[in-house]
Amino acid sequence: MTALIHHFDNVADADGPLDIVPVGGRIGAEIRGVRLGGDLDDDVVAAIRAALVRHKVIFFRNQTHLTDESHEAFAARLGEPLAHPTVPVAEGSRFLLELNSKEGEAASAWHTDITFLPAFPSASILRALIIPPAGGDTLWANGAAAYAELAPPLKALVERLRAVHTNAYDYAASRPDASNDQIKRHREIFASTVYETEHPVVHIHPETQERVLLLGNFVKSFVGLNRDDFARIFGLLQDHITKPENTVRWRWAPGDVAIWDNRATQHRAIADFGKQRRLLRRATIAGSVPVGVDGGHSRVVKPEPELLAAE
């Protein structure tokens, strides 16, 4: 079992083999001098995994040598790759998701990747191909630091809450400037099959044993609460998780790679680049079903479990 990490101790491990430069006070670090690929030595891969768990999101500059094939090969060194359940893979790849801006589109709402599945990804590996001259940065937030800062009465409340996550969220409400074509594309592709999963709002990180707030834009309700109470509590918690002290911001350059611990973070792109081109590709690594403070696991709501078992 990995030793419990102090929530605000975003400093490099003095005994580690990598050249690590922390970026934010509570989250994020750049790793220098590593050439990513499927042929990395086992000890380097282990050190990268340890840095990921410690810093929550890690960055690598100048990885322009990576191709889709070597991106996928490196991802497979970190775990079992997972394709997106509804969005087709990038052309010519096995499991990469392409994030190709259209009319200034970007995933600009705070979220944790694919939490509408019961065993959502443990990590994501994002590679920048084309980046606007200005704009298009990405933010990450530390859900463990956010939980640790809550007052004891709020901790007692959130530890008992469960949230329903779905990919059939109100896209138009989250993006009021979206065109009719964008809304239609969301419904026909991203939400082509509706998934819903009930997760604990606080789950135990399987490696660090940290307690982490698990929320984001895929949450549609809290079990047992009416819509108004849900909206107030959800807003309070989301604002707390994403306050500047808990975040790090990355200015992309072509060839950059970001890897984040999807079990401990939320992230969002900043859609401030107009109609400029922004192209990235992402690999995700399979995770495990979360466990709450009370020992309860997440559970599938839709598709109905018996239908999943029959497939």
C-alpha atoms as a PDB file:
ATOM      1  CA  MET A   1       0.000   0.000   0.000  1.00  0.00           C
ATOM      2  CA  THR A   2       1.332   3.432  -0.917  1.00  0.00           C
ATOM      3  CA  ALA A   3       1.900   5.764   2.034  1.00  0.00           C
ATOM      4  CA  LEU A   4      -0.651   8.505   2.484  1.00  0.00           C
ATOM      5  CA  ILE A   5       0.432  11.651   0.662  1.00  0.00           C
ATOM      6  CA  HIS A   6       0.061  15.055   2.284  1.00  0.00           C
ATOM      7  CA  HIS A   7      -2.592  16.883   0.281  1.00  0.00           C
ATOM      8  CA  PHE A   8      -0.598  20.096  -0.179  1.00  0.00           C
ATOM      9  CA  ASP A   9       2.898  18.601  -0.472  1.00  0.00           C
ATOM     10  CA  ASN A  10       3.400  19.137  -4.205  1.00  0.00           C
ATOM     11  CA  VAL A  11       7.184  18.898  -4.088  1.00  0.00           C
ATOM     12  CA  ALA A  12       9.499  16.577  -5.971  1.00  0.00           C
ATOM     13  CA  ASP A  13      10.621  13.379  -4.264  1.00  0.00           C
ATOM     14  CA  ALA A  14      14.231  14.110  -3.305  1.00  0.00           C
ATOM     15  CA  ASP A  15      15.130  10.433  -3.658  1.00  0.00           C
ATOM     16  CA  GLY A  16      13.396   9.913  -7.004  1.00  0.00           C
ATOM     17  CA  PRO A  17      15.289   9.266 -10.255  1.00  0.00           C
ATOM     18  CA  LEU A  18      13.437  11.809 -12.411  1.00  0.00           C
ATOM     19  CA  ASP A  19      14.063  15.516 -12.991  1.00  0.00           C
ATOM     20  CA  ILE A  20      10.761  16.889 -11.644  1.00  0.00           C
ATOM     21  CA  VAL A  21       9.815  20.569 -11.406  1.00  0.00           C
ATOM     22  CA  PRO A  22       6.532  21.297  -9.575  1.00  0.00           C
ATOM     23  CA  VAL A  23       4.246  23.731 -11.399  1.00  0.00           C
ATOM     24  CA  GLY A  24       1.493  24.527  -8.868  1.00  0.00           C
ATOM     25  CA  GLY A  25       1.525  24.620  -5.086  1.00  0.00           C
ATOM     26  CA  ARG A  26      -0.968  21.778  -4.692  1.00  0.00           C
ATOM     27  CA  ILE A  27      -1.004  20.017  -8.057  1.00  0.00           C
ATOM     28  CA  GLY A  28       1.049  19.538 -11.200  1.00  0.00           C
ATOM     29  CA  ALA A  29       4.697  18.932 -12.104  1.00  0.00           C
ATOM     30  CA  GLU A  30       6.830  18.954 -15.245  1.00  0.00           C
ATOM     31  CA  ILE A  31       9.130  15.978 -15.842  1.00  0.00           C
ATOM     32  CA  ARG A  32      12.234  16.727 -17.886  1.00  0.00           C
ATOM     33  CA  GLY A  33      14.700  14.540 -19.748  1.00  0.00           C
ATOM     34  CA  VAL A  34      12.353  11.626 -20.528  1.00  0.00           C
ATOM     35  CA  ARG A  35      11.576  10.474 -24.073  1.00  0.00           C
ATOM     36  CA  LEU A  36       8.164   8.819 -23.873  1.00  0.00           C
ATOM     37  CA  GLY A  37       7.419   5.598 -25.738  1.00  0.00           C
ATOM     38  CA  GLY A  38       6.642   1.952 -25.334  1.00  0.00           C
ATOM     39  CA  ASP A  39      10.341   1.061 -25.007  1.00  0.00           C
ATOM     40  CA  LEU A  40      10.976   2.860 -21.696  1.00  0.00           C
ATOM     41  CA  ASP A  41      12.795   0.910 -19.006  1.00  0.00           C
ATOM     42  CA  ASP A  42      10.590  -0.583 -16.319  1.00  0.00           C
ATOM     43  CA  ASP A  43      12.176   1.536 -13.587  1.00  0.00           C
ATOM     44  CA  VAL A  44      11.434   4.742 -15.527  1.00  0.00           C
ATOM     45  CA  VAL A  45       7.808   3.672 -16.051  1.00  0.00           C
ATOM     46  CA  ALA A  46       7.515   2.932 -12.327  1.00  0.00           C
ATOM     47  CA  ALA A  47       8.951   6.363 -11.496  1.00  0.00           C
ATOM     48  CA  ILE A  48       6.478   8.054 -13.865  1.00  0.00           C
ATOM     49  CA  ARG A  49       3.596   6.200 -12.228  1.00  0.00           C
ATOM     50  CA  ALA A  50       4.808   7.269  -8.771  1.00  0.00           C
ATOM     51  CA  ALA A  51       5.127  10.897  -9.899  1.00  0.00           C
ATOM     52  CA  LEU A  52       1.626  10.784 -11.367  1.00  0.00           C
ATOM     53  CA  VAL A  53       0.093   9.616  -8.097  1.00  0.00           C
ATOM     54  CA  ARG A  54       2.116  12.159  -6.119  1.00  0.00           C
ATOM     55  CA  HIS A  55       1.531  15.246  -8.298  1.00  0.00           C
ATOM     56  CA  LYS A  56      -1.905  14.332  -9.788  1.00  0.00           C
ATOM     57  CA  VAL A  57      -0.972  15.669 -13.253  1.00  0.00           C
ATOM     58  CA  ILE A  58       2.451  15.544 -14.901  1.00  0.00           C
ATOM     59  CA  PHE A  59       3.704  17.289 -18.041  1.00  0.00           C
ATOM     60  CA  PHE A  60       6.337  16.426 -20.641  1.00  0.00           C
ATOM     61  CA  ARG A  61       7.584  18.945 -23.208  1.00  0.00           C
ATOM     62  CA  ASN A  62       9.003  18.258 -26.680  1.00  0.00           C
ATOM     63  CA  GLN A  63       7.563  14.786 -27.293  1.00  0.00           C
ATOM     64  CA  THR A  64       7.211  15.473 -31.022  1.00  0.00           C
ATOM     65  CA  HIS A  65       8.646  12.048 -31.859  1.00  0.00           C
ATOM     66  CA  LEU A  66       5.446  10.371 -30.657  1.00  0.00           C
ATOM     67  CA  THR A  67       3.131   8.887 -33.273  1.00  0.00           C
ATOM     68  CA  ASP A  68      -0.290   7.413 -32.658  1.00  0.00           C
ATOM     69  CA  GLU A  69       1.349   3.999 -32.517  1.00  0.00           C
ATOM     70  CA  SER A  70       4.012   4.964 -29.968  1.00  0.00           C
ATOM     71  CA  HIS A  71       1.457   6.983 -27.975  1.00  0.00           C
ATOM     72  CA  GLU A  72      -0.638   3.825 -27.692  1.00  0.00           C
ATOM     73  CA  ALA A  73       2.417   1.702 -26.885  1.00  0.00           C
ATOM     74  CA  PHE A  74       3.375   4.045 -24.041  1.00  0.00           C
ATOM     75  CA  ALA A  75      -0.190   4.070 -22.720  1.00  0.00           C
ATOM     76  CA  ALA A  76      -0.130   0.275 -22.572  1.00  0.00           C
ATOM     77  CA  ARG A  77       2.913   0.474 -20.262  1.00  0.00           C
ATOM     78  CA  LEU A  78       0.813   2.379 -17.708  1.00  0.00           C
ATOM     79  CA  GLY A  79      -2.140  -0.018 -17.694  1.00  0.00           C
ATOM     80  CA  GLU A  80      -4.918  -1.449 -19.815  1.00  0.00           C
ATOM     81  CA  PRO A  81      -5.998   1.024 -22.526  1.00  0.00           C
ATOM     82  CA  LEU A  82      -9.706   1.858 -22.643  1.00  0.00           C
ATOM     83  CA  ALA A  83     -11.562   3.140 -25.708  1.00  0.00           C
ATOM     84  CA  HIS A  84     -14.333   5.695 -25.256  1.00  0.00           C
ATOM     85  CA  PRO A  85     -17.686   3.872 -25.000  1.00  0.00           C
ATOM     86  CA  THR A  86     -19.541   6.078 -27.508  1.00  0.00           C
ATOM     87  CA  VAL A  87     -17.129   8.277 -29.477  1.00  0.00           C
ATOM     88  CA  PRO A  88     -15.319   6.530 -32.381  1.00  0.00           C
ATOM     89  CA  VAL A  89     -11.543   6.210 -32.117  1.00  0.00           C
ATOM     90  CA  ALA A  90      -9.259   8.497 -34.108  1.00  0.00           C
ATOM     91  CA  GLU A  91      -8.707   7.329 -37.666  1.00  0.00           C
ATOM     92  CA  GLY A  92      -5.872   4.817 -37.897  1.00  0.00           C
ATOM     93  CA  SER A  93      -5.608   4.267 -34.137  1.00  0.00           C
ATOM     94  CA  ARG A  94      -6.723   1.447 -31.890  1.00  0.00           C
ATOM     95  CA  PHE A  95      -8.097   3.405 -28.936  1.00  0.00           C
ATOM     96  CA  LEU A  96      -7.096   7.088 -29.162  1.00  0.00           C
ATOM     97  CA  LEU A  97      -9.784   9.757 -28.824  1.00  0.00           C
ATOM     98  CA  GLU A  98      -9.306  12.793 -31.063  1.00  0.00           C
ATOM     99  CA  LEU A  99     -10.062  16.238 -29.628  1.00  0.00           C
ATOM    100  CA  ASN A 100     -10.367  18.315 -32.772  1.00  0.00           C
ATOM    101  CA  SER A 101     -11.721  21.814 -32.295  1.00  0.00           C
ATOM    102  CA  LYS A 102     -14.619  22.841 -34.490  1.00  0.00           C
ATOM    103  CA  GLU A 103     -15.929  26.403 -34.301  1.00  0.00           C
ATOM    104  CA  GLY A 104     -13.989  26.956 -31.080  1.00  0.00           C
ATOM    105  CA  GLU A 105     -15.295  23.797 -29.386  1.00  0.00           C
ATOM    106  CA  ALA A 106     -13.482  22.448 -26.342  1.00  0.00           C
ATOM    107  CA  ALA A 107     -14.406  20.422 -23.272  1.00  0.00           C
ATOM    108  CA  SER A 108     -14.770  23.637 -21.304  1.00  0.00           C
ATOM    109  CA  ALA A 109     -16.863  22.332 -18.389  1.00  0.00           C
ATOM    110  CA  TRP A 110     -15.103  20.860 -15.365  1.00  0.00           C
ATOM    111  CA  HIS A 111     -15.240  17.057 -15.457  1.00  0.00           C
ATOM    112  CA  THR A 112     -13.508  13.811 -14.631  1.00  0.00           C
ATOM    113  CA  ASP A 113     -13.224  11.567 -17.681  1.00  0.00           C
ATOM    114  CA  ILE A 114     -16.025   9.059 -18.350  1.00  0.00           C
ATOM    115  CA  THR A 115     -17.427   8.943 -14.797  1.00  0.00           C
ATOM    116  CA  PHE A 116     -20.750   7.777 -16.228  1.00  0.00           C
ATOM    117  CA  LEU A 117     -19.139   4.294 -16.246  1.00  0.00           C
ATOM    118  CA  PRO A 118     -18.794   2.374 -12.950  1.00  0.00           C
ATOM    119  CA  ALA A 119     -15.064   1.671 -13.463  1.00  0.00           C
ATOM    120  CA  PHE A 120     -14.048   4.974 -15.031  1.00  0.00           C
ATOM    121  CA  PRO A 121     -10.455   5.532 -16.263  1.00  0.00           C
ATOM    122  CA  SER A 122      -7.610   5.650 -13.774  1.00  0.00           C
ATOM    123  CA  ALA A 123      -5.538   7.969 -15.971  1.00  0.00           C
ATOM    124  CA  SER A 124      -5.549   9.885 -19.252  1.00  0.00           C
ATOM    125  CA  ILE A 125      -2.609  10.694 -21.538  1.00  0.00           C
ATOM    126  CA  LEU A 126      -3.159  13.736 -23.765  1.00  0.00           C
ATOM    127  CA  ARG A 127      -0.792  14.644 -26.634  1.00  0.00           C
ATOM    128  CA  ALA A 128      -0.841  18.045 -28.335  1.00  0.00           C
ATOM    129  CA  LEU A 129      -0.550  18.100 -32.135  1.00  0.00           C
ATOM    130  CA  ILE A 130      -1.799  21.543 -33.229  1.00  0.00           C
ATOM    131  CA  ILE A 131      -2.133  24.387 -30.734  1.00  0.00           C
ATOM    132  CA  PRO A 132      -3.380  27.960 -31.312  1.00  0.00           C
ATOM    133  CA  PRO A 133      -0.748  30.711 -31.015  1.00  0.00           C
ATOM    134  CA  ALA A 134      -2.725  31.969 -28.012  1.00  0.00           C
ATOM    135  CA  GLY A 135      -5.477  30.394 -25.928  1.00  0.00           C
ATOM    136  CA  GLY A 136      -6.628  26.811 -25.519  1.00  0.00           C
ATOM    137  CA  ASP A 137      -4.914  26.149 -22.177  1.00  0.00           C
ATOM    138  CA  THR A 138      -6.128  23.356 -19.875  1.00  0.00           C
ATOM    139  CA  LEU A 139      -6.813  23.509 -16.132  1.00  0.00           C
ATOM    140  CA  TRP A 140      -6.717  20.669 -13.598  1.00  0.00           C
ATOM    141  CA  ALA A 141      -8.092  20.666 -10.029  1.00  0.00           C
ATOM    142  CA  ASN A 142      -7.053  18.535  -7.065  1.00  0.00           C
ATOM    143  CA  GLY A 143     -10.068  16.726  -5.560  1.00  0.00           C
ATOM    144  CA  ALA A 144      -8.052  15.351  -2.643  1.00  0.00           C
ATOM    145  CA  ALA A 145      -6.820  18.774  -1.505  1.00  0.00           C
ATOM    146  CA  ALA A 146     -10.387  20.077  -1.867  1.00  0.00           C
ATOM    147  CA  TYR A 147     -11.781  17.362   0.412  1.00  0.00           C
ATOM    148  CA  ALA A 148      -9.013  17.871   2.992  1.00  0.00           C
ATOM    149  CA  GLU A 149      -9.882  21.572   3.295  1.00  0.00           C
ATOM    150  CA  LEU A 150     -13.587  21.030   4.002  1.00  0.00           C
ATOM    151  CA  ALA A 151     -14.830  21.856   7.491  1.00  0.00           C
ATOM    152  CA  PRO A 152     -15.714  18.741   9.547  1.00  0.00           C
ATOM    153  CA  PRO A 153     -19.513  19.244   9.253  1.00  0.00           C
ATOM    154  CA  LEU A 154     -19.222  19.416   5.452  1.00  0.00           C
ATOM    155  CA  LYS A 155     -17.027  16.319   5.411  1.00  0.00           C
ATOM    156  CA  ALA A 156     -19.677  14.466   7.401  1.00  0.00           C
ATOM    157  CA  LEU A 157     -22.316  15.538   4.868  1.00  0.00           C
ATOM    158  CA  VAL A 158     -20.466  14.723   1.649  1.00  0.00           C
ATOM    159  CA  GLU A 159     -19.208  11.359   2.902  1.00  0.00           C
ATOM    160  CA  ARG A 160     -22.836  10.168   3.014  1.00  0.00           C
ATOM    161  CA  LEU A 161     -23.848  11.545  -0.396  1.00  0.00           C
ATOM    162  CA  ARG A 162     -24.052   9.567  -3.614  1.00  0.00           C
ATOM    163  CA  ALA A 163     -24.241  11.188  -7.051  1.00  0.00           C
ATOM    164  CA  VAL A 164     -25.669   9.988 -10.365  1.00  0.00           C
ATOM    165  CA  HIS A 165     -23.274  10.613 -13.279  1.00  0.00           C
ATOM    166  CA  THR A 166     -24.502  10.469 -16.893  1.00  0.00           C
ATOM    167  CA  ASN A 167     -23.335  11.231 -20.413  1.00  0.00           C
ATOM    168  CA  ALA A 168     -26.860  12.463 -21.243  1.00  0.00           C
ATOM    169  CA  TYR A 169     -26.381  15.781 -19.466  1.00  0.00           C
ATOM    170  CA  ASP A 170     -27.898  19.026 -20.723  1.00  0.00           C
ATOM    171  CA  TYR A 171     -25.271  20.021 -23.290  1.00  0.00           C
ATOM    172  CA  ALA A 172     -27.171  23.139 -24.350  1.00  0.00           C
ATOM    173  CA  ALA A 173     -27.358  24.396 -20.757  1.00  0.00           C
ATOM    174  CA  SER A 174     -23.639  23.827 -20.168  1.00  0.00           C
ATOM    175  CA  ARG A 175     -22.788  25.498 -23.501  1.00  0.00           C
ATOM    176  CA  PRO A 176     -25.395  28.229 -24.108  1.00  0.00           C
ATOM    177  CA  ASP A 177     -23.493  29.406 -27.195  1.00  0.00           C
ATOM    178  CA  ALA A 178     -23.610  25.950 -28.842  1.00  0.00           C
ATOM    179  CA  SER A 179     -25.032  25.740 -32.347  1.00  0.00           C
ATOM    180  CA  ASN A 180     -27.880  23.420 -33.293  1.00  0.00           C
ATOM    181  CA  ASP A 181     -25.389  21.233 -35.163  1.00  0.00           C
ATOM    182  CA  GLN A 182     -23.197  20.945 -32.072  1.00  0.00           C
ATOM    183  CA  ILE A 183     -26.159  19.967 -29.896  1.00  0.00           C
ATOM    184  CA  LYS A 184     -27.275  17.409 -32.475  1.00  0.00           C
ATOM    185  CA  ARG A 185     -23.764  15.955 -32.724  1.00  0.00           C
ATOM    186  CA  HIS A 186     -23.588  15.603 -28.940  1.00  0.00           C
ATOM    187  CA  ARG A 187     -26.868  13.679 -28.845  1.00  0.00           C
ATOM    188  CA  GLU A 188     -26.104  11.458 -31.836  1.00  0.00           C
ATOM    189  CA  ILE A 189     -22.513  10.561 -30.900  1.00  0.00           C
ATOM    190  CA  PHE A 190     -21.532  11.301 -27.298  1.00  0.00           C
ATOM    191  CA  ALA A 191     -24.936  10.314 -25.867  1.00  0.00           C
ATOM    192  CA  SER A 192     -25.796   7.698 -28.500  1.00  0.00           C
ATOM    193  CA  THR A 193     -26.030   5.158 -25.671  1.00  0.00           C
ATOM    194  CA  VAL A 194     -27.108   6.592 -22.322  1.00  0.00           C
ATOM    195  CA  TYR A 195     -25.005   5.567 -19.340  1.00  0.00           C
ATOM    196  CA  GLU A 196     -25.747   6.366 -15.707  1.00  0.00           C
ATOM    197  CA  THR A 197     -23.725   5.340 -12.679  1.00  0.00           C
ATOM    198  CA  GLU A 198     -24.191   6.101  -8.998  1.00  0.00           C
ATOM    199  CA  HIS A 199     -20.862   6.976  -7.342  1.00  0.00           C
ATOM    200  CA  PRO A 200     -19.994   8.029  -3.780  1.00  0.00           C
ATOM    201  CA  VAL A 201     -19.313  11.767  -3.678  1.00  0.00           C
ATOM    202  CA  VAL A 202     -16.211  10.954  -1.618  1.00  0.00           C
ATOM    203  CA  HIS A 203     -14.243   7.917  -2.727  1.00  0.00           C
ATOM    204  CA  ILE A 204     -11.053   6.336  -1.416  1.00  0.00           C
ATOM    205  CA  HIS A 205      -8.130   6.573  -3.814  1.00  0.00           C
ATOM    206  CA  PRO A 206      -7.029   2.958  -4.344  1.00  0.00           C
ATOM    207  CA  GLU A 207      -3.292   3.736  -4.185  1.00  0.00           C
ATOM    208  CA  THR A 208      -2.859   6.650  -1.777  1.00  0.00           C
ATOM    209  CA  GLN A 209      -5.924   6.017   0.434  1.00  0.00           C
ATOM    210  CA  GLU A 210      -6.707   9.723   0.143  1.00  0.00           C
ATOM    211  CA  ARG A 211     -10.338  10.781   0.331  1.00  0.00           C
ATOM    212  CA  VAL A 212     -11.252  12.517  -2.917  1.00  0.00           C
ATOM    213  CA  LEU A 213     -14.287  14.537  -3.988  1.00  0.00           C
ATOM    214  CA  LEU A 214     -15.730  12.888  -7.119  1.00  0.00           C
ATOM    215  CA  LEU A 215     -17.977  15.351  -8.958  1.00  0.00           C
ATOM    216  CA  GLY A 216     -17.846  17.282 -12.253  1.00  0.00           C
ATOM    217  CA  ASN A 217     -20.142  18.092 -15.140  1.00  0.00           C
ATOM    218  CA  PHE A 218     -21.408  14.541 -15.632  1.00  0.00           C
ATOM    219  CA  VAL A 219     -23.249  14.688 -12.277  1.00  0.00           C
ATOM    220  CA  LYS A 220     -27.005  15.193 -12.694  1.00  0.00           C
ATOM    221  CA  SER A 221     -28.352  14.565  -9.170  1.00  0.00           C
ATOM    222  CA  PHE A 222     -27.647  13.532  -5.587  1.00  0.00           C
ATOM    223  CA  VAL A 223     -29.532  10.477  -4.409  1.00  0.00           C
ATOM    224  CA  GLY A 224     -32.371  11.451  -2.055  1.00  0.00           C
ATOM    225  CA  LEU A 225     -32.151  15.216  -2.630  1.00  0.00           C
ATOM    226  CA  ASN A 226     -34.507  17.383  -4.646  1.00  0.00           C
ATOM    227  CA  ARG A 227     -33.286  19.429  -7.591  1.00  0.00           C
ATOM    228  CA  ASP A 228     -32.900  22.707  -5.691  1.00  0.00           C
ATOM    229  CA  ASP A 229     -30.948  21.198  -2.797  1.00  0.00           C
ATOM    230  CA  PHE A 230     -28.771  19.302  -5.257  1.00  0.00           C
ATOM    231  CA  ALA A 231     -28.010  22.471  -7.220  1.00  0.00           C
ATOM    232  CA  ARG A 232     -27.006  24.432  -4.107  1.00  0.00           C
ATOM    233  CA  ILE A 233     -24.770  21.745  -2.625  1.00  0.00           C
ATOM    234  CA  PHE A 234     -23.259  20.769  -5.959  1.00  0.00           C
ATOM    235  CA  GLY A 235     -22.433  24.400  -6.744  1.00  0.00           C
ATOM    236  CA  LEU A 236     -20.809  24.921  -3.357  1.00  0.00           C
ATOM    237  CA  LEU A 237     -18.646  21.814  -3.735  1.00  0.00           C
ATOM    238  CA  GLN A 238     -17.679  22.455  -7.357  1.00  0.00           C
ATOM    239  CA  ASP A 239     -16.671  26.032  -6.570  1.00  0.00           C
ATOM    240  CA  HIS A 240     -14.581  24.729  -3.687  1.00  0.00           C
ATOM    241  CA  ILE A 241     -12.822  22.054  -5.761  1.00  0.00           C
ATOM    242  CA  THR A 242     -11.984  24.426  -8.601  1.00  0.00           C
ATOM    243  CA  LYS A 243     -10.858  27.475  -6.643  1.00  0.00           C
ATOM    244  CA  PRO A 244      -7.496  28.752  -7.907  1.00  0.00           C
ATOM    245  CA  GLU A 245      -5.496  27.402  -4.968  1.00  0.00           C
ATOM    246  CA  ASN A 246      -6.447  23.834  -5.935  1.00  0.00           C
ATOM    247  CA  THR A 247      -5.658  24.185  -9.647  1.00  0.00           C
ATOM    248  CA  VAL A 248      -2.839  24.237 -12.158  1.00  0.00           C
ATOM    249  CA  ARG A 249      -2.927  25.722 -15.657  1.00  0.00           C
ATOM    250  CA  TRP A 250      -0.899  24.435 -18.611  1.00  0.00           C
ATOM    251  CA  ARG A 251      -0.011  26.453 -21.688  1.00  0.00           C
ATOM    252  CA  TRP A 252       0.284  23.901 -24.482  1.00  0.00           C
ATOM    253  CA  ALA A 253       2.910  23.679 -27.203  1.00  0.00           C
ATOM    254  CA  PRO A 254       2.894  21.091 -30.020  1.00  0.00           C
ATOM    255  CA  GLY A 255       4.528  17.911 -28.744  1.00  0.00           C
ATOM    256  CA  ASP A 256       3.490  18.407 -25.119  1.00  0.00           C
ATOM    257  CA  VAL A 257       2.039  15.443 -23.237  1.00  0.00           C
ATOM    258  CA  ALA A 258      -0.047  15.691 -20.066  1.00  0.00           C
ATOM    259  CA  ILE A 259      -0.905  12.662 -17.932  1.00  0.00           C
ATOM    260  CA  TRP A 260      -3.388  12.993 -15.097  1.00  0.00           C
ATOM    261  CA  ASP A 261      -4.660  10.808 -12.303  1.00  0.00           C
ATOM    262  CA  ASN A 262      -8.329  10.697 -13.271  1.00  0.00           C
ATOM    263  CA  ARG A 263      -9.250   9.293  -9.840  1.00  0.00           C
ATOM    264  CA  ALA A 264      -8.057  12.439  -8.052  1.00  0.00           C
ATOM    265  CA  THR A 265      -8.691  15.333 -10.437  1.00  0.00           C
ATOM    266  CA  GLN A 266     -11.093  17.277 -12.587  1.00  0.00           C
ATOM    267  CA  HIS A 267     -10.040  19.221 -15.669  1.00  0.00           C
ATOM    268  CA  ARG A 268     -11.362  21.586 -18.320  1.00  0.00           C
ATOM    269  CA  ALA A 269     -10.122  23.232 -21.484  1.00  0.00           C
ATOM    270  CA  ILE A 270     -10.394  26.992 -21.913  1.00  0.00           C
ATOM    271  CA  ALA A 271     -12.367  27.777 -25.068  1.00  0.00           C
ATOM    272  CA  ASP A 272     -10.825  31.186 -25.736  1.00  0.00           C
ATOM    273  CA  PHE A 273      -9.225  30.456 -29.118  1.00  0.00           C
ATOM    274  CA  GLY A 274     -12.100  31.320 -31.454  1.00  0.00           C
ATOM    275  CA  LYS A 275     -11.977  29.436 -34.745  1.00  0.00           C
ATOM    276  CA  GLN A 276      -8.271  28.623 -34.550  1.00  0.00           C
ATOM    277  CA  ARG A 277      -7.266  24.984 -34.907  1.00  0.00           C
ATOM    278  CA  ARG A 278      -6.652  22.949 -31.747  1.00  0.00           C
ATOM    279  CA  LEU A 279      -5.932  19.238 -32.163  1.00  0.00           C
ATOM    280  CA  LEU A 280      -4.982  16.764 -29.439  1.00  0.00           C
ATOM    281  CA  ARG A 281      -5.282  12.981 -29.034  1.00  0.00           C
ATOM    282  CA  ARG A 282      -5.975  11.153 -25.784  1.00  0.00           C
ATOM    283  CA  ALA A 283      -5.436   7.663 -24.480  1.00  0.00           C
ATOM    284  CA  THR A 284      -7.222   6.495 -21.335  1.00  0.00           C
ATOM    285  CA  ILE A 285      -6.253   3.732 -18.922  1.00  0.00           C
ATOM    286  CA  ALA A 286      -8.864   1.462 -17.367  1.00  0.00           C
ATOM    287  CA  GLY A 287      -9.654   1.931 -13.687  1.00  0.00           C
ATOM    288  CA  SER A 288     -11.476   0.133 -10.894  1.00  0.00           C
ATOM    289  CA  VAL A 289     -14.908   0.634  -9.356  1.00  0.00           C
ATOM    290  CA  PRO A 290     -14.724   3.365  -6.667  1.00  0.00           C
ATOM    291  CA  VAL A 291     -15.320   2.631  -2.991  1.00  0.00           C
ATOM    292  CA  GLY A 292     -16.868   5.167  -0.624  1.00  0.00           C
ATOM    293  CA  VAL A 293     -15.948   5.994   2.962  1.00  0.00           C
ATOM    294  CA  ASP A 294     -18.620   3.540   4.156  1.00  0.00           C
ATOM    295  CA  GLY A 295     -17.185   0.725   2.029  1.00  0.00           C
ATOM    296  CA  GLY A 296     -20.007   0.933  -0.507  1.00  0.00           C
ATOM    297  CA  HIS A 297     -19.134   0.541  -4.199  1.00  0.00           C
ATOM    298  CA  SER A 298     -20.439   2.471  -7.186  1.00  0.00           C
ATOM    299  CA  ARG A 299     -23.307   0.861  -9.055  1.00  0.00           C
ATOM    300  CA  VAL A 300     -24.666   0.864 -12.609  1.00  0.00           C
ATOM    301  CA  VAL A 301     -28.029   2.566 -13.175  1.00  0.00           C
ATOM    302  CA  LYS A 302     -28.192   2.556 -17.012  1.00  0.00           C
ATOM    303  CA  PRO A 303     -28.004   0.456 -19.106  1.00  0.00           C
ATOM    304  CA  GLU A 304     -29.697  -1.892 -16.660  1.00  0.00           C
ATOM    305  CA  PRO A 305     -27.179  -4.385 -15.216  1.00  0.00           C
ATOM    306  CA  GLU A 306     -29.058  -7.404 -16.548  1.00  0.00           C
ATOM    307  CA  LEU A 307     -28.817  -5.953 -20.075  1.00  0.00           C
ATOM    308  CA  LEU A 308     -25.084  -5.445 -19.694  1.00  0.00           C
ATOM    309  CA  ALA A 309     -24.663  -9.039 -18.489  1.00  0.00           C
ATOM    310  CA  ALA A 310     -26.502 -10.329 -21.548  1.00  0.00           C
ATOM    311  CA  GLU A 311     -24.217  -8.578 -24.029  1.00  0.00           C
END
